[in-house]
mmCIF file of all heavy atoms, coordinates in Angstrom:
data_MODEL
# 
_entry.id   MODEL 
# 
loop_
_atom_site.group_PDB 
_atom_site.id 
_atom_site.type_symbol 
_atom_site.label_atom_id 
_atom_site.label_alt_id 
_atom_site.label_comp_id 
_atom_site.label_asym_id 
_atom_site.label_entity_id 
_atom_site.label_seq_id 
_atom_site.pdbx_PDB_ins_code 
_atom_site.Cartn_x 
_atom_site.Cartn_y 
_atom_site.Cartn_z 
_atom_site.occupancy 
_atom_site.B_iso_or_equiv 
_atom_site.pdbx_formal_charge 
_atom_site.auth_seq_id 
_atom_site.auth_comp_id 
_atom_site.auth_asym_id 
_atom_site.auth_atom_id 
_atom_site.pdbx_PDB_model_num 
ATOM 1   N N   . ASN A 1 1  ? 3.695   -71.156 58.114 1.00 0.00 ? 1  ASN A N   1 
ATOM 2   C CA  . ASN A 1 1  ? 4.177   -72.346 58.820 1.00 0.00 ? 1  ASN A CA  1 
ATOM 3   C C   . ASN A 1 1  ? 5.463   -72.036 59.651 1.00 0.00 ? 1  ASN A C   1 
ATOM 4   O O   . ASN A 1 1  ? 5.631   -72.587 60.722 1.00 0.00 ? 1  ASN A O   1 
ATOM 5   C CB  . ASN A 1 1  ? 4.339   -73.543 57.977 1.00 0.00 ? 1  ASN A CB  1 
ATOM 6   C CG  . ASN A 1 1  ? 3.072   -74.108 57.412 1.00 0.00 ? 1  ASN A CG  1 
ATOM 7   O OD1 . ASN A 1 1  ? 1.983   -73.959 58.018 1.00 0.00 ? 1  ASN A OD1 1 
ATOM 8   N ND2 . ASN A 1 1  ? 3.103   -74.743 56.284 1.00 0.00 ? 1  ASN A ND2 1 
ATOM 9   N N   . ILE A 1 2  ? 6.300   -71.239 59.050 1.00 0.00 ? 2  ILE A N   1 
ATOM 10  C CA  . ILE A 1 2  ? 7.585   -70.949 59.703 1.00 0.00 ? 2  ILE A CA  1 
ATOM 11  C C   . ILE A 1 2  ? 7.481   -69.812 60.765 1.00 0.00 ? 2  ILE A C   1 
ATOM 12  O O   . ILE A 1 2  ? 7.966   -69.890 61.837 1.00 0.00 ? 2  ILE A O   1 
ATOM 13  C CB  . ILE A 1 2  ? 8.707   -70.508 58.753 1.00 0.00 ? 2  ILE A CB  1 
ATOM 14  C CG1 . ILE A 1 2  ? 9.005   -71.782 57.865 1.00 0.00 ? 2  ILE A CG1 1 
ATOM 15  C CG2 . ILE A 1 2  ? 9.930   -69.992 59.421 1.00 0.00 ? 2  ILE A CG2 1 
ATOM 16  C CD1 . ILE A 1 2  ? 9.999   -71.431 56.801 1.00 0.00 ? 2  ILE A CD1 1 
ATOM 17  N N   . GLY A 1 3  ? 6.738   -68.737 60.340 1.00 0.00 ? 3  GLY A N   1 
ATOM 18  C CA  . GLY A 1 3  ? 6.635   -67.572 61.178 1.00 0.00 ? 3  GLY A CA  1 
ATOM 19  C C   . GLY A 1 3  ? 5.473   -67.569 62.161 1.00 0.00 ? 3  GLY A C   1 
ATOM 20  O O   . GLY A 1 3  ? 5.658   -67.385 63.343 1.00 0.00 ? 3  GLY A O   1 
ATOM 21  N N   . GLY A 1 4  ? 4.297   -67.844 61.650 1.00 0.00 ? 4  GLY A N   1 
ATOM 22  C CA  . GLY A 1 4  ? 3.132   -67.861 62.549 1.00 0.00 ? 4  GLY A CA  1 
ATOM 23  C C   . GLY A 1 4  ? 2.725   -66.546 63.141 1.00 0.00 ? 4  GLY A C   1 
ATOM 24  O O   . GLY A 1 4  ? 1.936   -66.502 64.080 1.00 0.00 ? 4  GLY A O   1 
ATOM 25  N N   . SER A 1 5  ? 3.242   -65.481 62.578 1.00 0.00 ? 5  SER A N   1 
ATOM 26  C CA  . SER A 1 5  ? 2.954   -64.135 63.118 1.00 0.00 ? 5  SER A CA  1 
ATOM 27  C C   . SER A 1 5  ? 1.587   -63.617 62.645 1.00 0.00 ? 5  SER A C   1 
ATOM 28  O O   . SER A 1 5  ? 0.978   -64.203 61.751 1.00 0.00 ? 5  SER A O   1 
ATOM 29  C CB  . SER A 1 5  ? 4.001   -63.078 62.735 1.00 0.00 ? 5  SER A CB  1 
ATOM 30  O OG  . SER A 1 5  ? 3.952   -62.881 61.301 1.00 0.00 ? 5  SER A OG  1 
ATOM 31  N N   . VAL A 1 6  ? 1.074   -62.576 63.286 1.00 0.00 ? 6  VAL A N   1 
ATOM 32  C CA  . VAL A 1 6  ? -0.181  -61.994 62.837 1.00 0.00 ? 6  VAL A CA  1 
ATOM 33  C C   . VAL A 1 6  ? -0.050  -61.517 61.392 1.00 0.00 ? 6  VAL A C   1 
ATOM 34  O O   . VAL A 1 6  ? -0.970  -61.644 60.602 1.00 0.00 ? 6  VAL A O   1 
ATOM 35  C CB  . VAL A 1 6  ? -0.566  -60.759 63.748 1.00 0.00 ? 6  VAL A CB  1 
ATOM 36  C CG1 . VAL A 1 6  ? -1.724  -60.006 63.161 1.00 0.00 ? 6  VAL A CG1 1 
ATOM 37  C CG2 . VAL A 1 6  ? -0.896  -61.296 65.164 1.00 0.00 ? 6  VAL A CG2 1 
ATOM 38  N N   . ASN A 1 7  ? 1.160   -60.943 61.045 1.00 0.00 ? 7  ASN A N   1 
ATOM 39  C CA  . ASN A 1 7  ? 1.381   -60.522 59.688 1.00 0.00 ? 7  ASN A CA  1 
ATOM 40  C C   . ASN A 1 7  ? 1.220   -61.600 58.709 1.00 0.00 ? 7  ASN A C   1 
ATOM 41  O O   . ASN A 1 7  ? 0.624   -61.480 57.652 1.00 0.00 ? 7  ASN A O   1 
ATOM 42  C CB  . ASN A 1 7  ? 2.757   -59.798 59.598 1.00 0.00 ? 7  ASN A CB  1 
ATOM 43  C CG  . ASN A 1 7  ? 3.015   -59.248 58.207 1.00 0.00 ? 7  ASN A CG  1 
ATOM 44  O OD1 . ASN A 1 7  ? 2.214   -58.522 57.616 1.00 0.00 ? 7  ASN A OD1 1 
ATOM 45  N ND2 . ASN A 1 7  ? 4.144   -59.572 57.628 1.00 0.00 ? 7  ASN A ND2 1 
ATOM 46  N N   . CYS A 1 8  ? 1.792   -62.810 58.997 1.00 0.00 ? 8  CYS A N   1 
ATOM 47  C CA  . CYS A 1 8  ? 1.701   -63.965 58.119 1.00 0.00 ? 8  CYS A CA  1 
ATOM 48  C C   . CYS A 1 8  ? 0.258   -64.368 57.922 1.00 0.00 ? 8  CYS A C   1 
ATOM 49  O O   . CYS A 1 8  ? -0.195  -64.690 56.818 1.00 0.00 ? 8  CYS A O   1 
ATOM 50  C CB  . CYS A 1 8  ? 2.492   -65.079 58.668 1.00 0.00 ? 8  CYS A CB  1 
ATOM 51  S SG  . CYS A 1 8  ? 4.314   -64.858 58.621 1.00 0.00 ? 8  CYS A SG  1 
ATOM 52  N N   . PHE A 1 9  ? -0.536  -64.390 58.996 1.00 0.00 ? 9  PHE A N   1 
ATOM 53  C CA  . PHE A 1 9  ? -1.935  -64.677 58.913 1.00 0.00 ? 9  PHE A CA  1 
ATOM 54  C C   . PHE A 1 9  ? -2.683  -63.727 58.054 1.00 0.00 ? 9  PHE A C   1 
ATOM 55  O O   . PHE A 1 9  ? -3.502  -64.033 57.199 1.00 0.00 ? 9  PHE A O   1 
ATOM 56  C CB  . PHE A 1 9  ? -2.536  -64.838 60.294 1.00 0.00 ? 9  PHE A CB  1 
ATOM 57  C CG  . PHE A 1 9  ? -2.383  -66.136 60.998 1.00 0.00 ? 9  PHE A CG  1 
ATOM 58  C CD1 . PHE A 1 9  ? -1.457  -66.256 62.088 1.00 0.00 ? 9  PHE A CD1 1 
ATOM 59  C CD2 . PHE A 1 9  ? -3.068  -67.289 60.590 1.00 0.00 ? 9  PHE A CD2 1 
ATOM 60  C CE1 . PHE A 1 9  ? -1.296  -67.452 62.749 1.00 0.00 ? 9  PHE A CE1 1 
ATOM 61  C CE2 . PHE A 1 9  ? -2.804  -68.468 61.269 1.00 0.00 ? 9  PHE A CE2 1 
ATOM 62  C CZ  . PHE A 1 9  ? -2.012  -68.597 62.321 1.00 0.00 ? 9  PHE A CZ  1 
ATOM 63  N N   . ASP A 1 10 ? -2.356  -62.413 58.220 1.00 0.00 ? 10 ASP A N   1 
ATOM 64  C CA  . ASP A 1 10 ? -3.000  -61.344 57.503 1.00 0.00 ? 10 ASP A CA  1 
ATOM 65  C C   . ASP A 1 10 ? -2.762  -61.456 56.048 1.00 0.00 ? 10 ASP A C   1 
ATOM 66  O O   . ASP A 1 10 ? -3.649  -61.232 55.192 1.00 0.00 ? 10 ASP A O   1 
ATOM 67  C CB  . ASP A 1 10 ? -2.597  -59.933 58.029 1.00 0.00 ? 10 ASP A CB  1 
ATOM 68  C CG  . ASP A 1 10 ? -3.197  -59.616 59.362 1.00 0.00 ? 10 ASP A CG  1 
ATOM 69  O OD1 . ASP A 1 10 ? -4.191  -60.312 59.745 1.00 0.00 ? 10 ASP A OD1 1 
ATOM 70  O OD2 . ASP A 1 10 ? -2.730  -58.660 59.974 1.00 0.00 ? 10 ASP A OD2 1 
ATOM 71  N N   . LYS A 1 11 ? -1.512  -61.771 55.663 1.00 0.00 ? 11 LYS A N   1 
ATOM 72  C CA  . LYS A 1 11 ? -1.171  -61.893 54.267 1.00 0.00 ? 11 LYS A CA  1 
ATOM 73  C C   . LYS A 1 11 ? -1.963  -62.995 53.561 1.00 0.00 ? 11 LYS A C   1 
ATOM 74  O O   . LYS A 1 11 ? -2.489  -62.836 52.468 1.00 0.00 ? 11 LYS A O   1 
ATOM 75  C CB  . LYS A 1 11 ? 0.354   -62.164 54.093 1.00 0.00 ? 11 LYS A CB  1 
ATOM 76  C CG  . LYS A 1 11 ? 1.281   -61.077 54.554 1.00 0.00 ? 11 LYS A CG  1 
ATOM 77  C CD  . LYS A 1 11 ? 1.173   -59.865 53.562 1.00 0.00 ? 11 LYS A CD  1 
ATOM 78  C CE  . LYS A 1 11 ? 2.233   -58.834 53.915 1.00 0.00 ? 11 LYS A CE  1 
ATOM 79  N NZ  . LYS A 1 11 ? 2.146   -57.596 53.095 1.00 0.00 ? 11 LYS A NZ  1 
ATOM 80  N N   . LEU A 1 12 ? -2.134  -64.100 54.270 1.00 0.00 ? 12 LEU A N   1 
ATOM 81  C CA  . LEU A 1 12 ? -2.887  -65.213 53.684 1.00 0.00 ? 12 LEU A CA  1 
ATOM 82  C C   . LEU A 1 12 ? -4.369  -64.941 53.641 1.00 0.00 ? 12 LEU A C   1 
ATOM 83  O O   . LEU A 1 12 ? -5.042  -65.207 52.654 1.00 0.00 ? 12 LEU A O   1 
ATOM 84  C CB  . LEU A 1 12 ? -2.642  -66.488 54.505 1.00 0.00 ? 12 LEU A CB  1 
ATOM 85  C CG  . LEU A 1 12 ? -3.248  -67.849 53.891 1.00 0.00 ? 12 LEU A CG  1 
ATOM 86  C CD1 . LEU A 1 12 ? -2.785  -68.016 52.494 1.00 0.00 ? 12 LEU A CD1 1 
ATOM 87  C CD2 . LEU A 1 12 ? -2.929  -69.034 54.787 1.00 0.00 ? 12 LEU A CD2 1 
ATOM 88  N N   . THR A 1 13 ? -4.858  -64.249 54.638 1.00 0.00 ? 13 THR A N   1 
ATOM 89  C CA  . THR A 1 13 ? -6.286  -63.847 54.676 1.00 0.00 ? 13 THR A CA  1 
ATOM 90  C C   . THR A 1 13 ? -6.576  -62.876 53.526 1.00 0.00 ? 13 THR A C   1 
ATOM 91  O O   . THR A 1 13 ? -7.513  -63.035 52.795 1.00 0.00 ? 13 THR A O   1 
ATOM 92  C CB  . THR A 1 13 ? -6.631  -63.151 56.013 1.00 0.00 ? 13 THR A CB  1 
ATOM 93  O OG1 . THR A 1 13 ? -6.437  -64.055 57.142 1.00 0.00 ? 13 THR A OG1 1 
ATOM 94  C CG2 . THR A 1 13 ? -8.052  -62.700 56.052 1.00 0.00 ? 13 THR A CG2 1 
ATOM 95  N N   . ASN A 1 14 ? -5.723  -61.874 53.351 1.00 0.00 ? 14 ASN A N   1 
ATOM 96  C CA  . ASN A 1 14 ? -5.905  -60.894 52.256 1.00 0.00 ? 14 ASN A CA  1 
ATOM 97  C C   . ASN A 1 14 ? -5.847  -61.564 50.931 1.00 0.00 ? 14 ASN A C   1 
ATOM 98  O O   . ASN A 1 14 ? -6.624  -61.194 50.018 1.00 0.00 ? 14 ASN A O   1 
ATOM 99  C CB  . ASN A 1 14 ? -4.859  -59.825 52.393 1.00 0.00 ? 14 ASN A CB  1 
ATOM 100 C CG  . ASN A 1 14 ? -5.014  -58.903 53.553 1.00 0.00 ? 14 ASN A CG  1 
ATOM 101 O OD1 . ASN A 1 14 ? -6.114  -58.839 54.135 1.00 0.00 ? 14 ASN A OD1 1 
ATOM 102 N ND2 . ASN A 1 14 ? -3.931  -58.298 54.014 1.00 0.00 ? 14 ASN A ND2 1 
ATOM 103 N N   . PHE A 1 15 ? -4.949  -62.558 50.787 1.00 0.00 ? 15 PHE A N   1 
ATOM 104 C CA  . PHE A 1 15 ? -4.863  -63.317 49.566 1.00 0.00 ? 15 PHE A CA  1 
ATOM 105 C C   . PHE A 1 15 ? -6.185  -64.008 49.239 1.00 0.00 ? 15 PHE A C   1 
ATOM 106 O O   . PHE A 1 15 ? -6.724  -63.963 48.122 1.00 0.00 ? 15 PHE A O   1 
ATOM 107 C CB  . PHE A 1 15 ? -3.761  -64.366 49.629 1.00 0.00 ? 15 PHE A CB  1 
ATOM 108 C CG  . PHE A 1 15 ? -3.795  -65.339 48.518 1.00 0.00 ? 15 PHE A CG  1 
ATOM 109 C CD1 . PHE A 1 15 ? -3.365  -65.034 47.224 1.00 0.00 ? 15 PHE A CD1 1 
ATOM 110 C CD2 . PHE A 1 15 ? -4.169  -66.665 48.751 1.00 0.00 ? 15 PHE A CD2 1 
ATOM 111 C CE1 . PHE A 1 15 ? -3.366  -65.942 46.179 1.00 0.00 ? 15 PHE A CE1 1 
ATOM 112 C CE2 . PHE A 1 15 ? -4.236  -67.603 47.742 1.00 0.00 ? 15 PHE A CE2 1 
ATOM 113 C CZ  . PHE A 1 15 ? -3.861  -67.278 46.462 1.00 0.00 ? 15 PHE A CZ  1 
ATOM 114 N N   . TYR A 1 16 ? -6.766  -64.694 50.292 1.00 0.00 ? 16 TYR A N   1 
ATOM 115 C CA  . TYR A 1 16 ? -7.982  -65.432 50.050 1.00 0.00 ? 16 TYR A CA  1 
ATOM 116 C C   . TYR A 1 16 ? -9.118  -64.455 49.692 1.00 0.00 ? 16 TYR A C   1 
ATOM 117 O O   . TYR A 1 16 ? -10.010 -64.745 48.903 1.00 0.00 ? 16 TYR A O   1 
ATOM 118 C CB  . TYR A 1 16 ? -8.374  -66.224 51.348 1.00 0.00 ? 16 TYR A CB  1 
ATOM 119 C CG  . TYR A 1 16 ? -7.515  -67.439 51.457 1.00 0.00 ? 16 TYR A CG  1 
ATOM 120 C CD1 . TYR A 1 16 ? -7.095  -67.835 52.741 1.00 0.00 ? 16 TYR A CD1 1 
ATOM 121 C CD2 . TYR A 1 16 ? -7.243  -68.309 50.440 1.00 0.00 ? 16 TYR A CD2 1 
ATOM 122 C CE1 . TYR A 1 16 ? -6.304  -69.000 52.932 1.00 0.00 ? 16 TYR A CE1 1 
ATOM 123 C CE2 . TYR A 1 16 ? -6.481  -69.436 50.603 1.00 0.00 ? 16 TYR A CE2 1 
ATOM 124 C CZ  . TYR A 1 16 ? -5.986  -69.813 51.898 1.00 0.00 ? 16 TYR A CZ  1 
ATOM 125 O OH  . TYR A 1 16 ? -5.287  -70.936 52.054 1.00 0.00 ? 16 TYR A OH  1 
ATOM 126 N N   . GLU A 1 17 ? -9.139  -63.309 50.344 1.00 0.00 ? 17 GLU A N   1 
ATOM 127 C CA  . GLU A 1 17 ? -10.199 -62.269 50.028 1.00 0.00 ? 17 GLU A CA  1 
ATOM 128 C C   . GLU A 1 17 ? -10.011 -61.841 48.572 1.00 0.00 ? 17 GLU A C   1 
ATOM 129 O O   . GLU A 1 17 ? -11.007 -61.677 47.864 1.00 0.00 ? 17 GLU A O   1 
ATOM 130 C CB  . GLU A 1 17 ? -10.145 -61.147 51.004 1.00 0.00 ? 17 GLU A CB  1 
ATOM 131 C CG  . GLU A 1 17 ? -10.711 -61.491 52.396 1.00 0.00 ? 17 GLU A CG  1 
ATOM 132 C CD  . GLU A 1 17 ? -11.033 -60.274 53.179 1.00 0.00 ? 17 GLU A CD  1 
ATOM 133 O OE1 . GLU A 1 17 ? -11.988 -59.501 52.844 1.00 0.00 ? 17 GLU A OE1 1 
ATOM 134 O OE2 . GLU A 1 17 ? -10.288 -59.977 54.163 1.00 0.00 ? 17 GLU A OE2 1 
ATOM 135 N N   . ASN A 1 18 ? -8.786  -61.558 48.188 1.00 0.00 ? 18 ASN A N   1 
ATOM 136 C CA  . ASN A 1 18 ? -8.546  -61.150 46.834 1.00 0.00 ? 18 ASN A CA  1 
ATOM 137 C C   . ASN A 1 18 ? -8.900  -62.214 45.790 1.00 0.00 ? 18 ASN A C   1 
ATOM 138 O O   . ASN A 1 18 ? -9.290  -61.904 44.630 1.00 0.00 ? 18 ASN A O   1 
ATOM 139 C CB  . ASN A 1 18 ? -7.058  -60.760 46.616 1.00 0.00 ? 18 ASN A CB  1 
ATOM 140 C CG  . ASN A 1 18 ? -6.676  -59.507 47.407 1.00 0.00 ? 18 ASN A CG  1 
ATOM 141 O OD1 . ASN A 1 18 ? -7.542  -58.715 47.674 1.00 0.00 ? 18 ASN A OD1 1 
ATOM 142 N ND2 . ASN A 1 18 ? -5.385  -59.390 47.741 1.00 0.00 ? 18 ASN A ND2 1 
ATOM 143 N N   . GLN A 1 19 ? -8.884  -63.471 46.231 1.00 0.00 ? 19 GLN A N   1 
ATOM 144 C CA  . GLN A 1 19 ? -9.172  -64.611 45.309 1.00 0.00 ? 19 GLN A CA  1 
ATOM 145 C C   . GLN A 1 19 ? -10.721 -64.941 45.442 1.00 0.00 ? 19 GLN A C   1 
ATOM 146 O O   . GLN A 1 19 ? -11.102 -65.915 44.878 1.00 0.00 ? 19 GLN A O   1 
ATOM 147 C CB  . GLN A 1 19 ? -8.338  -65.756 45.690 1.00 0.00 ? 19 GLN A CB  1 
ATOM 148 C CG  . GLN A 1 19 ? -6.880  -65.593 45.395 1.00 0.00 ? 19 GLN A CG  1 
ATOM 149 C CD  . GLN A 1 19 ? -6.550  -65.362 43.919 1.00 0.00 ? 19 GLN A CD  1 
ATOM 150 O OE1 . GLN A 1 19 ? -7.006  -65.999 43.072 1.00 0.00 ? 19 GLN A OE1 1 
ATOM 151 N NE2 . GLN A 1 19 ? -5.776  -64.260 43.696 1.00 0.00 ? 19 GLN A NE2 1 
ATOM 152 N N   . GLN A 1 20 ? -11.365 -64.137 46.159 1.00 0.00 ? 20 GLN A N   1 
ATOM 153 C CA  . GLN A 1 20 ? -12.844 -64.367 46.378 1.00 0.00 ? 20 GLN A CA  1 
ATOM 154 C C   . GLN A 1 20 ? -13.100 -65.722 46.985 1.00 0.00 ? 20 GLN A C   1 
ATOM 155 O O   . GLN A 1 20 ? -13.944 -66.516 46.513 1.00 0.00 ? 20 GLN A O   1 
ATOM 156 C CB  . GLN A 1 20 ? -13.639 -64.291 45.032 1.00 0.00 ? 20 GLN A CB  1 
ATOM 157 C CG  . GLN A 1 20 ? -13.471 -62.921 44.262 1.00 0.00 ? 20 GLN A CG  1 
ATOM 158 C CD  . GLN A 1 20 ? -14.015 -61.796 45.002 1.00 0.00 ? 20 GLN A CD  1 
ATOM 159 O OE1 . GLN A 1 20 ? -15.172 -61.779 45.378 1.00 0.00 ? 20 GLN A OE1 1 
ATOM 160 N NE2 . GLN A 1 20 ? -13.260 -60.819 45.297 1.00 0.00 ? 20 GLN A NE2 1 
ATOM 161 N N   . GLN A 1 21 ? -12.326 -66.073 48.075 1.00 0.00 ? 21 GLN A N   1 
ATOM 162 C CA  . GLN A 1 21 ? -12.499 -67.288 48.745 1.00 0.00 ? 21 GLN A CA  1 
ATOM 163 C C   . GLN A 1 21 ? -12.706 -66.979 50.231 1.00 0.00 ? 21 GLN A C   1 
ATOM 164 O O   . GLN A 1 21 ? -11.951 -67.177 51.087 1.00 0.00 ? 21 GLN A O   1 
ATOM 165 C CB  . GLN A 1 21 ? -11.180 -68.148 48.602 1.00 0.00 ? 21 GLN A CB  1 
ATOM 166 C CG  . GLN A 1 21 ? -10.933 -68.562 47.139 1.00 0.00 ? 21 GLN A CG  1 
ATOM 167 C CD  . GLN A 1 21 ? -9.619  -69.357 47.017 1.00 0.00 ? 21 GLN A CD  1 
ATOM 168 O OE1 . GLN A 1 21 ? -8.588  -69.002 47.570 1.00 0.00 ? 21 GLN A OE1 1 
ATOM 169 N NE2 . GLN A 1 21 ? -9.695  -70.453 46.319 1.00 0.00 ? 21 GLN A NE2 1 
ATOM 170 N N   . PRO A 1 22 ? -13.914 -66.466 50.523 1.00 0.00 ? 22 PRO A N   1 
ATOM 171 C CA  . PRO A 1 22 ? -14.190 -66.015 51.889 1.00 0.00 ? 22 PRO A CA  1 
ATOM 172 C C   . PRO A 1 22 ? -14.207 -67.099 52.955 1.00 0.00 ? 22 PRO A C   1 
ATOM 173 O O   . PRO A 1 22 ? -13.822 -66.867 54.114 1.00 0.00 ? 22 PRO A O   1 
ATOM 174 C CB  . PRO A 1 22 ? -15.575 -65.334 51.794 1.00 0.00 ? 22 PRO A CB  1 
ATOM 175 C CG  . PRO A 1 22 ? -16.178 -66.009 50.556 1.00 0.00 ? 22 PRO A CG  1 
ATOM 176 C CD  . PRO A 1 22 ? -15.057 -66.224 49.687 1.00 0.00 ? 22 PRO A CD  1 
ATOM 177 N N   . GLU A 1 23 ? -14.653 -68.331 52.598 1.00 0.00 ? 23 GLU A N   1 
ATOM 178 C CA  . GLU A 1 23 ? -14.665 -69.393 53.558 1.00 0.00 ? 23 GLU A CA  1 
ATOM 179 C C   . GLU A 1 23 ? -13.247 -69.718 54.063 1.00 0.00 ? 23 GLU A C   1 
ATOM 180 O O   . GLU A 1 23 ? -12.987 -69.957 55.197 1.00 0.00 ? 23 GLU A O   1 
ATOM 181 C CB  . GLU A 1 23 ? -15.272 -70.685 52.931 1.00 0.00 ? 23 GLU A CB  1 
ATOM 182 C CG  . GLU A 1 23 ? -16.720 -70.473 52.446 1.00 0.00 ? 23 GLU A CG  1 
ATOM 183 C CD  . GLU A 1 23 ? -17.735 -70.474 53.560 1.00 0.00 ? 23 GLU A CD  1 
ATOM 184 O OE1 . GLU A 1 23 ? -17.342 -70.695 54.732 1.00 0.00 ? 23 GLU A OE1 1 
ATOM 185 O OE2 . GLU A 1 23 ? -18.927 -70.287 53.263 1.00 0.00 ? 23 GLU A OE2 1 
ATOM 186 N N   . LYS A 1 24 ? -12.276 -69.726 53.134 1.00 0.00 ? 24 LYS A N   1 
ATOM 187 C CA  . LYS A 1 24 ? -10.939 -70.005 53.484 1.00 0.00 ? 24 LYS A CA  1 
ATOM 188 C C   . LYS A 1 24 ? -10.360 -68.810 54.323 1.00 0.00 ? 24 LYS A C   1 
ATOM 189 O O   . LYS A 1 24 ? -9.626  -69.027 55.262 1.00 0.00 ? 24 LYS A O   1 
ATOM 190 C CB  . LYS A 1 24 ? -10.030 -70.148 52.239 1.00 0.00 ? 24 LYS A CB  1 
ATOM 191 C CG  . LYS A 1 24 ? -10.186 -71.553 51.599 1.00 0.00 ? 24 LYS A CG  1 
ATOM 192 C CD  . LYS A 1 24 ? -9.115  -71.663 50.430 1.00 0.00 ? 24 LYS A CD  1 
ATOM 193 C CE  . LYS A 1 24 ? -9.136  -73.035 49.832 1.00 0.00 ? 24 LYS A CE  1 
ATOM 194 N NZ  . LYS A 1 24 ? -8.109  -73.205 48.841 1.00 0.00 ? 24 LYS A NZ  1 
ATOM 195 N N   . ALA A 1 25 ? -10.775 -67.572 53.973 1.00 0.00 ? 25 ALA A N   1 
ATOM 196 C CA  . ALA A 1 25 ? -10.327 -66.404 54.700 1.00 0.00 ? 25 ALA A CA  1 
ATOM 197 C C   . ALA A 1 25 ? -10.801 -66.532 56.168 1.00 0.00 ? 25 ALA A C   1 
ATOM 198 O O   . ALA A 1 25 ? -10.056 -66.318 57.166 1.00 0.00 ? 25 ALA A O   1 
ATOM 199 C CB  . ALA A 1 25 ? -10.892 -65.112 54.100 1.00 0.00 ? 25 ALA A CB  1 
# 
């Protein structure tokens, strides 16, 4: 929400994948 960079998006995407939440990813 603060940064909005590609890196920030990637971190959240990787988190969702690690949590087995592909729809959110």
